[in-house]
PDB file of N, CA and C in Angstrom:
ATOM      1  N   MET A   1      41.804 -30.393  50.906  1.00  0.00           N
ATOM      2  CA  MET A   1      42.624 -29.205  50.930  1.00  0.00           C
ATOM      3  C   MET A   1      43.917 -29.516  51.665  1.00  0.00           C
ATOM      4  N   ALA A   2      45.001 -29.324  51.008  1.00  0.00           N
ATOM      5  CA  ALA A   2      46.301 -29.529  51.630  1.00  0.00           C
ATOM      6  C   ALA A   2      46.763 -28.218  52.218  1.00  0.00           C
ATOM      7  N   LEU A   3      47.023 -28.218  53.504  1.00  0.00           N
ATOM      8  CA  LEU A   3      47.311 -26.966  54.167  1.00  0.00           C
ATOM      9  C   LEU A   3      48.639 -26.359  53.738  1.00  0.00           C
ATOM     10  N   GLY A   4      49.646 -27.161  53.539  1.00  0.00           N
ATOM     11  CA  GLY A   4      50.930 -26.614  53.170  1.00  0.00           C
ATOM     12  C   GLY A   4      51.243 -26.781  51.697  1.00  0.00           C
ATOM     13  N   ALA A   5      50.278 -27.209  50.953  1.00  0.00           N
ATOM     14  CA  ALA A   5      50.527 -27.540  49.549  1.00  0.00           C
ATOM     15  C   ALA A   5      50.602 -26.288  48.696  1.00  0.00           C
ATOM     16  N   CYS A   6      51.558 -26.295  47.799  1.00  0.00           N
ATOM     17  CA  CYS A   6      51.694 -25.217  46.829  1.00  0.00           C
ATOM     18  C   CYS A   6      51.573 -25.775  45.415  1.00  0.00           C
ATOM     19  N   ALA A   7      51.253 -27.038  45.288  1.00  0.00           N
ATOM     20  CA  ALA A   7      51.181 -27.688  43.979  1.00  0.00           C
ATOM     21  C   ALA A   7      49.787 -27.511  43.382  1.00  0.00           C
ATOM     22  N   SER A   8      49.758 -27.314  42.077  1.00  0.00           N
ATOM     23  CA  SER A   8      48.479 -27.220  41.373  1.00  0.00           C
ATOM     24  C   SER A   8      47.909 -28.630  41.202  1.00  0.00           C
ATOM     25  N   PRO A   9      46.625 -28.744  40.895  1.00  0.00           N
ATOM     26  CA  PRO A   9      46.056 -30.071  40.635  1.00  0.00           C
ATOM     27  C   PRO A   9      46.797 -30.816  39.524  1.00  0.00           C
ATOM     28  N   ALA A  10      47.244 -30.083  38.500  1.00  0.00           N
ATOM     29  CA  ALA A  10      47.982 -30.726  37.406  1.00  0.00           C
ATOM     30  C   ALA A  10      49.323 -31.267  37.900  1.00  0.00           C
ATOM     31  N   GLU A  11      49.996 -30.513  38.764  1.00  0.00           N
ATOM     32  CA  GLU A  11      51.272 -30.972  39.313  1.00  0.00           C
ATOM     33  C   GLU A  11      51.085 -32.187  40.213  1.00  0.00           C
ATOM     34  N   ILE A  12      50.015 -32.182  40.986  1.00  0.00           N
ATOM     35  CA  ILE A  12      49.707 -33.324  41.849  1.00  0.00           C
ATOM     36  C   ILE A  12      49.438 -34.559  40.999  1.00  0.00           C
ATOM     37  N   ALA A  13      48.635 -34.402  39.962  1.00  0.00           N
ATOM     38  CA  ALA A  13      48.326 -35.534  39.074  1.00  0.00           C
ATOM     39  C   ALA A  13      49.587 -36.056  38.401  1.00  0.00           C
ATOM     40  N   GLN A  14      50.456 -35.153  37.980  1.00  0.00           N
ATOM     41  CA  GLN A  14      51.712 -35.565  37.336  1.00  0.00           C
ATOM     42  C   GLN A  14      52.580 -36.345  38.321  1.00  0.00           C
ATOM     43  N   ARG A  15      52.648 -35.880  39.556  1.00  0.00           N
ATOM     44  CA  ARG A  15      53.442 -36.569  40.576  1.00  0.00           C
ATOM     45  C   ARG A  15      52.875 -37.954  40.858  1.00  0.00           C
ATOM     46  N   GLU A  16      51.541 -38.049  40.953  1.00  0.00           N
ATOM     47  CA  GLU A  16      50.914 -39.344  41.214  1.00  0.00           C
ATOM     48  C   GLU A  16      51.126 -40.294  40.041  1.00  0.00           C
ATOM     49  N   TRP A  17      51.037 -39.765  38.823  1.00  0.00           N
ATOM     50  CA  TRP A  17      51.275 -40.564  37.614  1.00  0.00           C
ATOM     51  C   TRP A  17      52.704 -41.110  37.639  1.00  0.00           C
ATOM     52  N   ALA A  18      53.665 -40.236  37.946  1.00  0.00           N
ATOM     53  CA  ALA A  18      55.072 -40.643  37.994  1.00  0.00           C
ATOM     54  C   ALA A  18      55.304 -41.694  39.078  1.00  0.00           C
ATOM     55  N   THR A  19      54.619 -41.559  40.202  1.00  0.00           N
ATOM     56  CA  THR A  19      54.737 -42.546  41.274  1.00  0.00           C
ATOM     57  C   THR A  19      54.319 -43.922  40.780  1.00  0.00           C
ATOM     58  N   CYS A  20      53.168 -43.982  40.133  1.00  0.00           N
ATOM     59  CA  CYS A  20      52.663 -45.279  39.660  1.00  0.00           C
ATOM     60  C   CYS A  20      53.529 -45.848  38.545  1.00  0.00           C
ATOM     61  N   GLN A  21      54.016 -44.988  37.659  1.00  0.00           N
ATOM     62  CA  GLN A  21      54.933 -45.467  36.618  1.00  0.00           C
ATOM     63  C   GLN A  21      56.225 -45.973  37.252  1.00  0.00           C
ATOM     64  N   GLY A  22      56.662 -45.327  38.307  1.00  0.00           N
ATOM     65  CA  GLY A  22      57.859 -45.756  39.023  1.00  0.00           C
ATOM     66  C   GLY A  22      57.704 -47.134  39.643  1.00  0.00           C
ATOM     67  N   TYR A  23      56.462 -47.487  39.975  1.00  0.00           N
ATOM     68  CA  TYR A  23      56.181 -48.827  40.496  1.00  0.00           C
ATOM     69  C   TYR A  23      56.137 -49.868  39.377  1.00  0.00           C
ATOM     70  N   GLY A  24      56.198 -49.403  38.128  1.00  0.00           N
ATOM     71  CA  GLY A  24      56.228 -50.324  36.995  1.00  0.00           C
ATOM     72  C   GLY A  24      54.894 -50.539  36.307  1.00  0.00           C
ATOM     73  N   PHE A  25      53.866 -49.785  36.704  1.00  0.00           N
ATOM     74  CA  PHE A  25      52.561 -49.948  36.067  1.00  0.00           C
ATOM     75  C   PHE A  25      52.558 -49.270  34.706  1.00  0.00           C
ATOM     76  N   GLN A  26      51.932 -49.904  33.744  1.00  0.00           N
ATOM     77  CA  GLN A  26      51.890 -49.406  32.373  1.00  0.00           C
ATOM     78  C   GLN A  26      50.685 -48.483  32.176  1.00  0.00           C
ATOM     79  N   PRO A  27      50.895 -47.332  31.523  1.00  0.00           N
ATOM     80  CA  PRO A  27      49.779 -46.425  31.236  1.00  0.00           C
ATOM     81  C   PRO A  27      48.652 -47.161  30.498  1.00  0.00           C
ATOM     82  N   GLY A  28      47.437 -46.895  30.909  1.00  0.00           N
ATOM     83  CA  GLY A  28      46.262 -47.494  30.281  1.00  0.00           C
ATOM     84  C   GLY A  28      45.866 -48.842  30.856  1.00  0.00           C
ATOM     85  N   SER A  29      46.685 -49.404  31.734  1.00  0.00           N
ATOM     86  CA  SER A  29      46.359 -50.712  32.317  1.00  0.00           C
ATOM     87  C   SER A  29      45.432 -50.555  33.517  1.00  0.00           C
ATOM     88  N   GLN A  30      44.740 -51.641  33.839  1.00  0.00           N
ATOM     89  CA  GLN A  30      43.865 -51.646  35.012  1.00  0.00           C
ATOM     90  C   GLN A  30      44.696 -51.425  36.285  1.00  0.00           C
ATOM     91  N   ALA A  31      45.892 -52.014  36.303  1.00  0.00           N
ATOM     92  CA  ALA A  31      46.761 -51.857  37.472  1.00  0.00           C
ATOM     93  C   ALA A  31      47.173 -50.394  37.654  1.00  0.00           C
ATOM     94  N   MET A  32      47.436 -49.698  36.553  1.00  0.00           N
ATOM     95  CA  MET A  32      47.798 -48.269  36.630  1.00  0.00           C
ATOM     96  C   MET A  32      46.618 -47.476  37.183  1.00  0.00           C
ATOM     97  N   SER A  33      45.426 -47.769  36.705  1.00  0.00           N
ATOM     98  CA  SER A  33      44.229 -47.075  37.203  1.00  0.00           C
ATOM     99  C   SER A  33      44.044 -47.313  38.691  1.00  0.00           C
ATOM    100  N   GLN A  34      44.242 -48.539  39.122  1.00  0.00           N
ATOM    101  CA  GLN A  34      44.100 -48.870  40.546  1.00  0.00           C
ATOM    102  C   GLN A  34      45.160 -48.145  41.369  1.00  0.00           C
ATOM    103  N   CYS A  35      46.383 -48.123  40.859  1.00  0.00           N
ATOM    104  CA  CYS A  35      47.456 -47.419  41.554  1.00  0.00           C
ATOM    105  C   CYS A  35      47.124 -45.935  41.692  1.00  0.00           C
ATOM    106  N   LEU A  36      46.673 -45.306  40.612  1.00  0.00           N
ATOM    107  CA  LEU A  36      46.335 -43.883  40.657  1.00  0.00           C
ATOM    108  C   LEU A  36      45.225 -43.605  41.662  1.00  0.00           C
ATOM    109  N   MET A  37      44.235 -44.482  41.719  1.00  0.00           N
ATOM    110  CA  MET A  37      43.152 -44.303  42.693  1.00  0.00           C
ATOM    111  C   MET A  37      43.681 -44.450  44.114  1.00  0.00           C
ATOM    112  N   THR A  38      44.562 -45.425  44.322  1.00  0.00           N
ATOM    113  CA  THR A  38      45.126 -45.648  45.656  1.00  0.00           C
ATOM    114  C   THR A  38      45.984 -44.475  46.099  1.00  0.00           C
ATOM    115  N   VAL A  39      46.855 -44.000  45.211  1.00  0.00           N
ATOM    116  CA  VAL A  39      47.729 -42.874  45.535  1.00  0.00           C
ATOM    117  C   VAL A  39      46.892 -41.624  45.810  1.00  0.00           C
ATOM    118  N   ASP A  40      45.849 -41.411  45.018  1.00  0.00           N
ATOM    119  CA  ASP A  40      44.967 -40.265  45.228  1.00  0.00           C
ATOM    120  C   ASP A  40      44.278 -40.360  46.590  1.00  0.00           C
ATOM    121  N   GLN A  41      43.785 -41.539  46.933  1.00  0.00           N
ATOM    122  CA  GLN A  41      43.102 -41.718  48.217  1.00  0.00           C
ATOM    123  C   GLN A  41      44.071 -41.508  49.376  1.00  0.00           C
ATOM    124  N   GLN A  42      45.297 -41.991  49.229  1.00  0.00           N
ATOM    125  CA  GLN A  42      46.296 -41.784  50.280  1.00  0.00           C
ATOM    126  C   GLN A  42      46.586 -40.295  50.468  1.00  0.00           C
ATOM    127  N   ARG A  43      46.683 -39.557  49.369  1.00  0.00           N
ATOM    128  CA  ARG A  43      46.909 -38.105  49.455  1.00  0.00           C
ATOM    129  C   ARG A  43      45.741 -37.428  50.152  1.00  0.00           C
ATOM    130  N   GLN A  44      44.525 -37.810  49.784  1.00  0.00           N
ATOM    131  CA  GLN A  44      43.350 -37.216  50.425  1.00  0.00           C
ATOM    132  C   GLN A  44      43.338 -37.517  51.926  1.00  0.00           C
ATOM    133  N   ASN A  45      43.740 -38.732  52.294  1.00  0.00           N
ATOM    134  CA  ASN A  45      43.797 -39.097  53.715  1.00  0.00           C
ATOM    135  C   ASN A  45      44.846 -38.261  54.447  1.00  0.00           C
ATOM    136  N   ARG A  46      46.016 -38.051  53.813  1.00  0.00           N
ATOM    137  CA  ARG A  46      47.049 -37.198  54.423  1.00  0.00           C
ATOM    138  C   ARG A  46      46.541 -35.772  54.578  1.00  0.00           C
ATOM    139  N   ASP A  47      45.844 -35.277  53.542  1.00  0.00           N
ATOM    140  CA  ASP A  47      45.303 -33.917  53.613  1.00  0.00           C
ATOM    141  C   ASP A  47      44.302 -33.786  54.749  1.00  0.00           C
ATOM    142  N   ALA A  48      43.458 -34.807  54.921  1.00  0.00           N
ATOM    143  CA  ALA A  48      42.469 -34.781  56.006  1.00  0.00           C
ATOM    144  C   ALA A  48      43.168 -34.808  57.369  1.00  0.00           C
ATOM    145  N   LEU A  49      44.224 -35.604  57.486  1.00  0.00           N
ATOM    146  CA  LEU A  49      44.981 -35.655  58.735  1.00  0.00           C
ATOM    147  C   LEU A  49      45.653 -34.310  59.002  1.00  0.00           C
ATOM    148  N   ASP A  50      46.246 -33.714  57.971  1.00  0.00           N
ATOM    149  CA  ASP A  50      46.855 -32.392  58.124  1.00  0.00           C
ATOM    150  C   ASP A  50      45.820 -31.377  58.611  1.00  0.00           C
ATOM    151  N   ALA A  51      44.625 -31.427  58.039  1.00  0.00           N
ATOM    152  CA  ALA A  51      43.566 -30.500  58.447  1.00  0.00           C
ATOM    153  C   ALA A  51      43.176 -30.737  59.902  1.00  0.00           C
ATOM    154  N   ALA A  52      43.104 -31.999  60.312  1.00  0.00           N
ATOM    155  CA  ALA A  52      42.752 -32.311  61.699  1.00  0.00           C
ATOM    156  C   ALA A  52      43.836 -31.821  62.660  1.00  0.00           C
ATOM    157  N   VAL A  53      45.096 -32.014  62.279  1.00  0.00           N
ATOM    158  CA  VAL A  53      46.203 -31.536  63.115  1.00  0.00           C
ATOM    159  C   VAL A  53      46.172 -30.016  63.188  1.00  0.00           C
ATOM    160  N   TRP A  54      45.940 -29.387  62.058  1.00  0.00           N
ATOM    161  CA  TRP A  54      45.839 -27.921  62.006  1.00  0.00           C
ATOM    162  C   TRP A  54      44.739 -27.435  62.944  1.00  0.00           C
ATOM    163  N   ASN A  55      43.560 -28.042  62.839  1.00  0.00           N
ATOM    164  CA  ASN A  55      42.434 -27.620  63.665  1.00  0.00           C
ATOM    165  C   ASN A  55      42.722 -27.840  65.142  1.00  0.00           C
ATOM    166  N   ALA A  56      43.358 -28.964  65.480  1.00  0.00           N
ATOM    167  CA  ALA A  56      43.695 -29.237  66.878  1.00  0.00           C
ATOM    168  C   ALA A  56      44.704 -28.211  67.382  1.00  0.00           C
ATOM    169  N   HIS A  57      45.661 -27.863  66.547  1.00  0.00           N
ATOM    170  CA  HIS A  57      46.675 -26.879  66.939  1.00  0.00           C
ATOM    171  C   HIS A  57      46.049 -25.507  67.142  1.00  0.00           C
ATOM    172  N   VAL A  58      45.212 -25.090  66.211  1.00  0.00           N
ATOM    173  CA  VAL A  58      44.543 -23.791  66.331  1.00  0.00           C
ATOM    174  C   VAL A  58      43.682 -23.773  67.586  1.00  0.00           C
ATOM    175  N   TYR A  59      42.944 -24.858  67.809  1.00  0.00           N
ATOM    176  CA  TYR A  59      42.068 -24.931  68.985  1.00  0.00           C
ATOM    177  C   TYR A  59      42.898 -24.866  70.268  1.00  0.00           C
ATOM    178  N   SER A  60      44.051 -25.532  70.290  1.00  0.00           N
ATOM    179  CA  SER A  60      44.869 -25.558  71.506  1.00  0.00           C
ATOM    180  C   SER A  60      45.479 -24.198  71.820  1.00  0.00           C
ATOM    181  N   MET A  61      45.578 -23.336  70.806  1.00  0.00           N
ATOM    182  CA  MET A  61      46.145 -22.006  71.028  1.00  0.00           C
ATOM    183  C   MET A  61      45.102 -21.014  71.522  1.00  0.00           C
ATOM    184  N   GLY A  62      43.863 -21.419  71.604  1.00  0.00           N
ATOM    185  CA  GLY A  62      42.817 -20.521  72.055  1.00  0.00           C
ATOM    186  C   GLY A  62      42.315 -19.653  70.918  1.00  0.00           C
ATOM    187  N   SER A  63      41.794 -18.525  71.259  1.00  0.00           N
ATOM    188  CA  SER A  63      41.225 -17.616  70.275  1.00  0.00           C
ATOM    189  C   SER A  63      42.290 -17.095  69.320  1.00  0.00           C
ATOM    190  N   PRO A  64      42.033 -17.200  68.006  1.00  0.00           N
ATOM    191  CA  PRO A  64      43.010 -16.665  67.051  1.00  0.00           C
ATOM    192  C   PRO A  64      42.930 -15.143  66.914  1.00  0.00           C
ATOM    193  N   ALA A  65      42.060 -14.502  67.684  1.00  0.00           N
ATOM    194  CA  ALA A  65      41.888 -13.047  67.570  1.00  0.00           C
ATOM    195  C   ALA A  65      42.980 -12.336  68.360  1.00  0.00           C
ATOM    196  N   LEU A  66      44.161 -12.235  67.785  1.00  0.00           N
ATOM    197  CA  LEU A  66      45.278 -11.537  68.412  1.00  0.00           C
ATOM    198  C   LEU A  66      45.464 -10.197  67.709  1.00  0.00           C
ATOM    199  N   PRO A  67      46.002  -9.216  68.396  1.00  0.00           N
ATOM    200  CA  PRO A  67      46.172  -7.905  67.772  1.00  0.00           C
ATOM    201  C   PRO A  67      47.295  -7.873  66.744  1.00  0.00           C
ATOM    202  N   GLY A  68      47.048  -7.221  65.646  1.00  0.00           N
ATOM    203  CA  GLY A  68      48.019  -6.861  64.619  1.00  0.00           C
ATOM    204  C   GLY A  68      49.106  -7.855  64.295  1.00  0.00           C
ATOM    205  N   ALA A  69      50.367  -7.453  64.552  1.00  0.00           N
ATOM    206  CA  ALA A  69      51.530  -8.256  64.184  1.00  0.00           C
ATOM    207  C   ALA A  69      51.536  -9.588  64.909  1.00  0.00           C
ATOM    208  N   ALA A  70      51.054  -9.620  66.140  1.00  0.00           N
ATOM    209  CA  ALA A  70      51.019 -10.878  66.887  1.00  0.00           C
ATOM    210  C   ALA A  70      50.135 -11.890  66.170  1.00  0.00           C
ATOM    211  N   GLN A  71      49.013 -11.428  65.625  1.00  0.00           N
ATOM    212  CA  GLN A  71      48.126 -12.319  64.889  1.00  0.00           C
ATOM    213  C   GLN A  71      48.819 -12.845  63.640  1.00  0.00           C
ATOM    214  N   SER A  72      49.477 -11.970  62.904  1.00  0.00           N
ATOM    215  CA  SER A  72      50.166 -12.366  61.691  1.00  0.00           C
ATOM    216  C   SER A  72      51.249 -13.393  61.995  1.00  0.00           C
ATOM    217  N   GLU A  73      52.037 -13.155  63.036  1.00  0.00           N
ATOM    218  CA  GLU A  73      53.110 -14.081  63.410  1.00  0.00           C
ATOM    219  C   GLU A  73      52.536 -15.424  63.852  1.00  0.00           C
ATOM    220  N   ALA A  74      51.491 -15.393  64.677  1.00  0.00           N
ATOM    221  CA  ALA A  74      50.888 -16.635  65.166  1.00  0.00           C
ATOM    222  C   ALA A  74      50.300 -17.429  64.014  1.00  0.00           C
ATOM    223  N   LEU A  75      49.623 -16.760  63.111  1.00  0.00           N
ATOM    224  CA  LEU A  75      49.036 -17.470  61.980  1.00  0.00           C
ATOM    225  C   LEU A  75      50.121 -18.054  61.083  1.00  0.00           C
ATOM    226  N   GLY A  76      51.218 -17.335  60.905  1.00  0.00           N
ATOM    227  CA  GLY A  76      52.324 -17.848  60.112  1.00  0.00           C
ATOM    228  C   GLY A  76      52.921 -19.092  60.732  1.00  0.00           C
ATOM    229  N   GLN A  77      53.064 -19.106  62.047  1.00  0.00           N
ATOM    230  CA  GLN A  77      53.596 -20.277  62.736  1.00  0.00           C
ATOM    231  C   GLN A  77      52.628 -21.444  62.639  1.00  0.00           C
ATOM    232  N   MET A  78      51.349 -21.185  62.803  1.00  0.00           N
ATOM    233  CA  MET A  78      50.359 -22.263  62.718  1.00  0.00           C
ATOM    234  C   MET A  78      50.311 -22.836  61.308  1.00  0.00           C
ATOM    235  N   TRP A  79      50.446 -21.974  60.300  1.00  0.00           N
ATOM    236  CA  TRP A  79      50.376 -22.455  58.922  1.00  0.00           C
ATOM    237  C   TRP A  79      51.517 -23.422  58.631  1.00  0.00           C
ATOM    238  N   ALA A  80      52.696 -23.152  59.140  1.00  0.00           N
ATOM    239  CA  ALA A  80      53.859 -23.991  58.863  1.00  0.00           C
ATOM    240  C   ALA A  80      53.880 -25.238  59.736  1.00  0.00           C
ATOM    241  N   TRP A  81      53.247 -25.206  60.886  1.00  0.00           N
ATOM    242  CA  TRP A  81      53.368 -26.293  61.848  1.00  0.00           C
ATOM    243  C   TRP A  81      53.005 -27.665  61.310  1.00  0.00           C
ATOM    244  N   PRO A  82      51.899 -27.870  60.577  1.00  0.00           N
ATOM    245  CA  PRO A  82      51.589 -29.233  60.126  1.00  0.00           C
ATOM    246  C   PRO A  82      52.667 -29.843  59.261  1.00  0.00           C
ATOM    247  N   ASN A  83      53.493 -29.039  58.598  1.00  0.00           N
ATOM    248  CA  ASN A  83      54.563 -29.596  57.782  1.00  0.00           C
ATOM    249  C   ASN A  83      55.644 -30.264  58.622  1.00  0.00           C
ATOM    250  N   TRP A  84      55.743 -29.898  59.897  1.00  0.00           N
ATOM    251  CA  TRP A  84      56.727 -30.541  60.777  1.00  0.00           C
ATOM    252  C   TRP A  84      56.332 -31.972  61.061  1.00  0.00           C
ATOM    253  N   VAL A  85      55.026 -32.257  61.014  1.00  0.00           N
ATOM    254  CA  VAL A  85      54.514 -33.563  61.402  1.00  0.00           C
ATOM    255  C   VAL A  85      54.982 -34.644  60.456  1.00  0.00           C
ATOM    256  N   ARG A  86      55.133 -34.317  59.190  1.00  0.00           N
ATOM    257  CA  ARG A  86      55.465 -35.345  58.199  1.00  0.00           C
ATOM    258  C   ARG A  86      56.831 -35.855  58.328  1.00  0.00           C
TER     259      ARG A  86
END
């Protein structure tokens, strides 16, 4: 799960495909398949790191049970925060 991601699975796959083609790999080749697997694994690793950073940030802020607007504002700030890390 990508915390700040707004891309659909199809958009992600298209981006990964374009990345591997940009490296010069030919569609249908073993090298293209390996590239796609590598790019996918790297994305999953980034997503896992984003989730860990998110969880650490939420934990460091204490209880997320804030009243009304304060909760909404705090959650909005926490949601955007992992994107600063990249």
